[in-house]
PDB file of N, CA and C in Angstrom:
ATOM      1  N   UNK A   1       0.847  -1.174   0.000  1.00  0.00           N
ATOM      2  CA  UNK A   1       0.000   0.000   0.000  1.00  0.00           C
ATOM      3  C   UNK A   1       0.894   1.239   0.000  1.00  0.00           C
ATOM      4  N   UNK A   2       0.634   2.102  -0.910  1.00  0.00           N
ATOM      5  CA  UNK A   2       1.438   3.314  -0.999  1.00  0.00           C
ATOM      6  C   UNK A   2       0.901   4.382  -0.040  1.00  0.00           C
ATOM      7  N   UNK A   3       1.688   5.402   0.152  1.00  0.00           N
ATOM      8  CA  UNK A   3       1.286   6.482   1.031  1.00  0.00           C
ATOM      9  C   UNK A   3       0.059   7.201   0.461  1.00  0.00           C
ATOM     10  N   UNK A   4       0.015   7.363  -0.833  1.00  0.00           N
ATOM     11  CA  UNK A   4      -1.110   8.051  -1.462  1.00  0.00           C
ATOM     12  C   UNK A   4      -2.424   7.310  -1.235  1.00  0.00           C
ATOM     13  N   UNK A   5      -2.406   5.990  -1.377  1.00  0.00           N
ATOM     14  CA  UNK A   5      -3.645   5.237  -1.175  1.00  0.00           C
ATOM     15  C   UNK A   5      -4.083   5.286   0.284  1.00  0.00           C
ATOM     16  N   UNK A   6      -3.135   5.329   1.197  1.00  0.00           N
ATOM     17  CA  UNK A   6      -3.480   5.474   2.615  1.00  0.00           C
ATOM     18  C   UNK A   6      -4.106   6.829   2.912  1.00  0.00           C
ATOM     19  N   UNK A   7      -3.541   7.883   2.345  1.00  0.00           N
ATOM     20  CA  UNK A   7      -4.123   9.214   2.510  1.00  0.00           C
ATOM     21  C   UNK A   7      -5.488   9.295   1.853  1.00  0.00           C
ATOM     22  N   UNK A   8      -5.599   8.712   0.674  1.00  0.00           N
ATOM     23  CA  UNK A   8      -6.865   8.750  -0.044  1.00  0.00           C
ATOM     24  C   UNK A   8      -7.951   8.032   0.745  1.00  0.00           C
ATOM     25  N   UNK A   9      -7.635   6.887   1.293  1.00  0.00           N
ATOM     26  CA  UNK A   9      -8.619   6.111   2.036  1.00  0.00           C
ATOM     27  C   UNK A   9      -8.936   6.757   3.376  1.00  0.00           C
ATOM     28  N   UNK A  10      -7.929   7.345   4.037  1.00  0.00           N
ATOM     29  CA  UNK A  10      -8.138   7.872   5.379  1.00  0.00           C
ATOM     30  C   UNK A  10      -8.641   9.296   5.446  1.00  0.00           C
ATOM     31  N   UNK A  11      -8.240  10.138   4.516  1.00  0.00           N
ATOM     32  CA  UNK A  11      -8.561  11.567   4.629  1.00  0.00           C
ATOM     33  C   UNK A  11      -9.377  12.084   3.456  1.00  0.00           C
ATOM     34  N   UNK A  12      -8.962  11.803   2.244  1.00  0.00           N
ATOM     35  CA  UNK A  12      -9.561  12.436   1.070  1.00  0.00           C
ATOM     36  C   UNK A  12     -10.871  11.804   0.617  1.00  0.00           C
ATOM     37  N   UNK A  13     -11.211  10.647   1.119  1.00  0.00           N
ATOM     38  CA  UNK A  13     -12.393   9.945   0.629  1.00  0.00           C
ATOM     39  C   UNK A  13     -13.685  10.653   1.028  1.00  0.00           C
ATOM     40  N   UNK A  14     -13.730  11.182   2.232  1.00  0.00           N
ATOM     41  CA  UNK A  14     -14.931  11.872   2.708  1.00  0.00           C
ATOM     42  C   UNK A  14     -14.639  13.353   2.859  1.00  0.00           C
ATOM     43  N   UNK A  15     -15.601  14.169   2.493  1.00  0.00           N
ATOM     44  CA  UNK A  15     -15.436  15.616   2.583  1.00  0.00           C
ATOM     45  C   UNK A  15     -15.263  16.069   4.030  1.00  0.00           C
ATOM     46  N   UNK A  16     -15.966  15.451   4.939  1.00  0.00           N
ATOM     47  CA  UNK A  16     -15.887  15.872   6.345  1.00  0.00           C
ATOM     48  C   UNK A  16     -14.493  15.629   6.924  1.00  0.00           C
ATOM     49  N   UNK A  17     -13.879  14.487   6.627  1.00  0.00           N
ATOM     50  CA  UNK A  17     -12.534  14.235   7.152  1.00  0.00           C
ATOM     51  C   UNK A  17     -11.502  15.108   6.456  1.00  0.00           C
ATOM     52  N   UNK A  18     -11.709  15.378   5.180  1.00  0.00           N
ATOM     53  CA  UNK A  18     -10.804  16.286   4.460  1.00  0.00           C
ATOM     54  C   UNK A  18     -10.879  17.683   5.066  1.00  0.00           C
ATOM     55  N   UNK A  19     -12.089  18.154   5.333  1.00  0.00           N
ATOM     56  CA  UNK A  19     -12.268  19.473   5.939  1.00  0.00           C
ATOM     57  C   UNK A  19     -11.612  19.540   7.316  1.00  0.00           C
ATOM     58  N   UNK A  20     -11.787  18.503   8.120  1.00  0.00           N
ATOM     59  CA  UNK A  20     -11.179  18.491   9.452  1.00  0.00           C
ATOM     60  C   UNK A  20      -9.658  18.458   9.369  1.00  0.00           C
ATOM     61  N   UNK A  21      -9.111  17.747   8.398  1.00  0.00           N
ATOM     62  CA  UNK A  21      -7.658  17.711   8.228  1.00  0.00           C
ATOM     63  C   UNK A  21      -7.134  19.087   7.824  1.00  0.00           C
ATOM     64  N   UNK A  22      -7.852  19.764   6.933  1.00  0.00           N
ATOM     65  CA  UNK A  22      -7.446  21.112   6.518  1.00  0.00           C
ATOM     66  C   UNK A  22      -7.554  22.079   7.690  1.00  0.00           C
ATOM     67  N   UNK A  23      -8.645  22.000   8.451  1.00  0.00           N
ATOM     68  CA  UNK A  23      -8.830  22.896   9.595  1.00  0.00           C
ATOM     69  C   UNK A  23      -7.753  22.672  10.659  1.00  0.00           C
ATOM     70  N   UNK A  24      -7.450  21.413  10.957  1.00  0.00           N
ATOM     71  CA  UNK A  24      -6.414  21.116  11.948  1.00  0.00           C
ATOM     72  C   UNK A  24      -5.039  21.556  11.451  1.00  0.00           C
ATOM     73  N   UNK A  25      -4.754  21.313  10.185  1.00  0.00           N
ATOM     74  CA  UNK A  25      -3.479  21.750   9.617  1.00  0.00           C
ATOM     75  C   UNK A  25      -3.331  23.257   9.640  1.00  0.00           C
ATOM     76  N   UNK A  26      -4.408  23.961   9.336  1.00  0.00           N
ATOM     77  CA  UNK A  26      -4.392  25.424   9.362  1.00  0.00           C
ATOM     78  C   UNK A  26      -4.159  25.937  10.774  1.00  0.00           C
ATOM     79  N   UNK A  27      -4.827  25.334  11.740  1.00  0.00           N
ATOM     80  CA  UNK A  27      -4.663  25.753  13.129  1.00  0.00           C
ATOM     81  C   UNK A  27      -3.218  25.577  13.595  1.00  0.00           C
ATOM     82  N   UNK A  28      -2.656  24.402  13.360  1.00  0.00           N
ATOM     83  CA  UNK A  28      -1.289  24.150  13.819  1.00  0.00           C
ATOM     84  C   UNK A  28      -0.264  24.979  13.054  1.00  0.00           C
ATOM     85  N   UNK A  29      -0.490  25.211  11.759  1.00  0.00           N
ATOM     86  CA  UNK A  29       0.411  26.070  10.991  1.00  0.00           C
ATOM     87  C   UNK A  29       0.375  27.490  11.525  1.00  0.00           C
ATOM     88  N   UNK A  30      -0.824  28.006  11.827  1.00  0.00           N
ATOM     89  CA  UNK A  30      -0.947  29.371  12.326  1.00  0.00           C
ATOM     90  C   UNK A  30      -0.248  29.529  13.670  1.00  0.00           C
ATOM     91  N   UNK A  31      -0.429  28.577  14.575  1.00  0.00           N
ATOM     92  CA  UNK A  31       0.204  28.670  15.880  1.00  0.00           C
ATOM     93  C   UNK A  31       1.722  28.594  15.756  1.00  0.00           C
ATOM     94  N   UNK A  32       2.203  27.691  14.918  1.00  0.00           N
ATOM     95  CA  UNK A  32       3.648  27.550  14.733  1.00  0.00           C
ATOM     96  C   UNK A  32       4.237  28.790  14.094  1.00  0.00           C
ATOM     97  N   UNK A  33       3.588  29.321  13.067  1.00  0.00           N
ATOM     98  CA  UNK A  33       4.062  30.520  12.394  1.00  0.00           C
ATOM     99  C   UNK A  33       4.091  31.705  13.350  1.00  0.00           C
ATOM    100  N   UNK A  34       3.059  31.851  14.179  1.00  0.00           N
ATOM    101  CA  UNK A  34       3.009  32.935  15.150  1.00  0.00           C
ATOM    102  C   UNK A  34       4.139  32.814  16.163  1.00  0.00           C
ATOM    103  N   UNK A  35       4.382  31.629  16.668  1.00  0.00           N
ATOM    104  CA  UNK A  35       5.441  31.421  17.649  1.00  0.00           C
ATOM    105  C   UNK A  35       6.820  31.710  17.057  1.00  0.00           C
ATOM    106  N   UNK A  36       7.068  31.226  15.856  1.00  0.00           N
ATOM    107  CA  UNK A  36       8.371  31.433  15.215  1.00  0.00           C
ATOM    108  C   UNK A  36       8.579  32.906  14.887  1.00  0.00           C
ATOM    109  N   UNK A  37       7.559  33.564  14.315  1.00  0.00           N
ATOM    110  CA  UNK A  37       7.726  34.976  13.950  1.00  0.00           C
ATOM    111  C   UNK A  37       7.884  35.859  15.187  1.00  0.00           C
ATOM    112  N   UNK A  38       7.184  35.548  16.265  1.00  0.00           N
ATOM    113  CA  UNK A  38       7.330  36.324  17.494  1.00  0.00           C
ATOM    114  C   UNK A  38       8.724  36.137  18.102  1.00  0.00           C
ATOM    115  N   UNK A  39       9.242  34.923  18.057  1.00  0.00           N
ATOM    116  CA  UNK A  39      10.584  34.656  18.571  1.00  0.00           C
ATOM    117  C   UNK A  39      11.636  35.406  17.766  1.00  0.00           C
ATOM    118  N   UNK A  40      11.495  35.405  16.459  1.00  0.00           N
ATOM    119  CA  UNK A  40      12.437  36.135  15.603  1.00  0.00           C
ATOM    120  C   UNK A  40      12.356  37.628  15.873  1.00  0.00           C
ATOM    121  N   UNK A  41      11.142  38.172  15.982  1.00  0.00           N
ATOM    122  CA  UNK A  41      10.962  39.596  16.246  1.00  0.00           C
ATOM    123  C   UNK A  41      11.598  39.996  17.573  1.00  0.00           C
ATOM    124  N   UNK A  42      11.371  39.196  18.616  1.00  0.00           N
ATOM    125  CA  UNK A  42      11.933  39.523  19.922  1.00  0.00           C
ATOM    126  C   UNK A  42      13.443  39.399  19.944  1.00  0.00           C
ATOM    127  N   UNK A  43      14.011  38.462  19.182  1.00  0.00           N
ATOM    128  CA  UNK A  43      15.474  38.335  19.162  1.00  0.00           C
ATOM    129  C   UNK A  43      16.109  39.492  18.397  1.00  0.00           C
ATOM    130  N   UNK A  44      15.458  39.973  17.359  1.00  0.00           N
ATOM    131  CA  UNK A  44      15.992  41.107  16.601  1.00  0.00           C
ATOM    132  C   UNK A  44      15.908  42.389  17.423  1.00  0.00           C
ATOM    133  N   UNK A  45      14.826  42.566  18.188  1.00  0.00           N
ATOM    134  CA  UNK A  45      14.585  43.804  18.931  1.00  0.00           C
ATOM    135  C   UNK A  45      14.907  43.688  20.415  1.00  0.00           C
ATOM    136  N   UNK A  46      15.768  42.776  20.778  1.00  0.00           N
ATOM    137  CA  UNK A  46      16.124  42.597  22.187  1.00  0.00           C
ATOM    138  C   UNK A  46      16.761  43.882  22.722  1.00  0.00           C
ATOM    139  N   UNK A  47      16.274  44.327  23.874  1.00  0.00           N
ATOM    140  CA  UNK A  47      16.764  45.553  24.494  1.00  0.00           C
ATOM    141  C   UNK A  47      15.965  46.781  24.109  1.00  0.00           C
ATOM    142  N   UNK A  48      15.070  46.670  23.136  1.00  0.00           N
ATOM    143  CA  UNK A  48      14.259  47.804  22.693  1.00  0.00           C
ATOM    144  C   UNK A  48      12.792  47.647  23.069  1.00  0.00           C
ATOM    145  N   UNK A  49      12.403  46.488  23.522  1.00  0.00           N
ATOM    146  CA  UNK A  49      11.009  46.228  23.839  1.00  0.00           C
ATOM    147  C   UNK A  49      10.663  46.707  25.245  1.00  0.00           C
ATOM    148  N   UNK A  50       9.376  46.973  25.460  1.00  0.00           N
ATOM    149  CA  UNK A  50       8.931  47.490  26.753  1.00  0.00           C
ATOM    150  C   UNK A  50       9.284  46.550  27.885  1.00  0.00           C
ATOM    151  N   UNK A  51       9.164  45.259  27.666  1.00  0.00           N
ATOM    152  CA  UNK A  51       9.481  44.315  28.738  1.00  0.00           C
ATOM    153  C   UNK A  51      10.956  44.367  29.130  1.00  0.00           C
ATOM    154  N   UNK A  52      11.820  44.859  28.247  1.00  0.00           N
ATOM    155  CA  UNK A  52      13.247  44.971  28.543  1.00  0.00           C
ATOM    156  C   UNK A  52      13.606  46.289  29.228  1.00  0.00           C
ATOM    157  N   UNK A  53      12.846  47.356  28.941  1.00  0.00           N
ATOM    158  CA  UNK A  53      13.228  48.678  29.453  1.00  0.00           C
ATOM    159  C   UNK A  53      12.245  49.263  30.455  1.00  0.00           C
ATOM    160  N   UNK A  54      11.220  48.541  30.856  1.00  0.00           N
ATOM    161  CA  UNK A  54      10.205  49.127  31.730  1.00  0.00           C
ATOM    162  C   UNK A  54      10.747  49.496  33.102  1.00  0.00           C
ATOM    163  N   UNK A  55      11.805  48.847  33.563  1.00  0.00           N
ATOM    164  CA  UNK A  55      12.377  49.193  34.861  1.00  0.00           C
ATOM    165  C   UNK A  55      12.992  50.587  34.853  1.00  0.00           C
ATOM    166  N   UNK A  56      13.385  51.089  33.699  1.00  0.00           N
ATOM    167  CA  UNK A  56      13.961  52.435  33.603  1.00  0.00           C
ATOM    168  C   UNK A  56      12.921  53.525  33.764  1.00  0.00           C
ATOM    169  N   UNK A  57      11.630  53.235  33.535  1.00  0.00           N
ATOM    170  CA  UNK A  57      10.594  54.255  33.504  1.00  0.00           C
ATOM    171  C   UNK A  57       9.566  54.129  34.609  1.00  0.00           C
ATOM    172  N   UNK A  58       9.528  53.029  35.310  1.00  0.00           N
ATOM    173  CA  UNK A  58       8.562  52.888  36.383  1.00  0.00           C
ATOM    174  C   UNK A  58       9.171  53.379  37.700  1.00  0.00           C
ATOM    175  N   UNK A  59       8.380  54.075  38.508  1.00  0.00           N
ATOM    176  CA  UNK A  59       8.908  54.560  39.783  1.00  0.00           C
ATOM    177  C   UNK A  59       9.168  53.390  40.722  1.00  0.00           C
ATOM    178  N   UNK A  60      10.116  53.546  41.626  1.00  0.00           N
ATOM    179  CA  UNK A  60      10.390  52.457  42.568  1.00  0.00           C
ATOM    180  C   UNK A  60       9.186  52.219  43.488  1.00  0.00           C
ATOM    181  N   UNK A  61       9.031  51.001  43.904  1.00  0.00           N
ATOM    182  CA  UNK A  61       7.902  50.639  44.755  1.00  0.00           C
ATOM    183  C   UNK A  61       8.062  51.275  46.133  1.00  0.00           C
ATOM    184  N   UNK A  62       6.983  51.890  46.614  1.00  0.00           N
ATOM    185  CA  UNK A  62       7.001  52.518  47.945  1.00  0.00           C
ATOM    186  C   UNK A  62       6.868  51.446  49.019  1.00  0.00           C
ATOM    187  N   UNK A  63       7.580  51.659  50.111  1.00  0.00           N
ATOM    188  CA  UNK A  63       7.529  50.687  51.199  1.00  0.00           C
ATOM    189  C   UNK A  63       6.501  51.041  52.211  1.00  0.00           C
TER     190      UNK A  63
END
């Protein structure tokens, strides 16, 4: 049995399973893309983001 026949029998044969496979693939691709792009953005802008410099602008905590 080839990989194509397995995919055809398991996913592509019914519209509902094909739709669910596309929806799940889209969800996981979006989450992965968001995580990777955010990591790249933060590594490029390290030291310039608010989370890195907020201690310079917030007043010290009163005792």
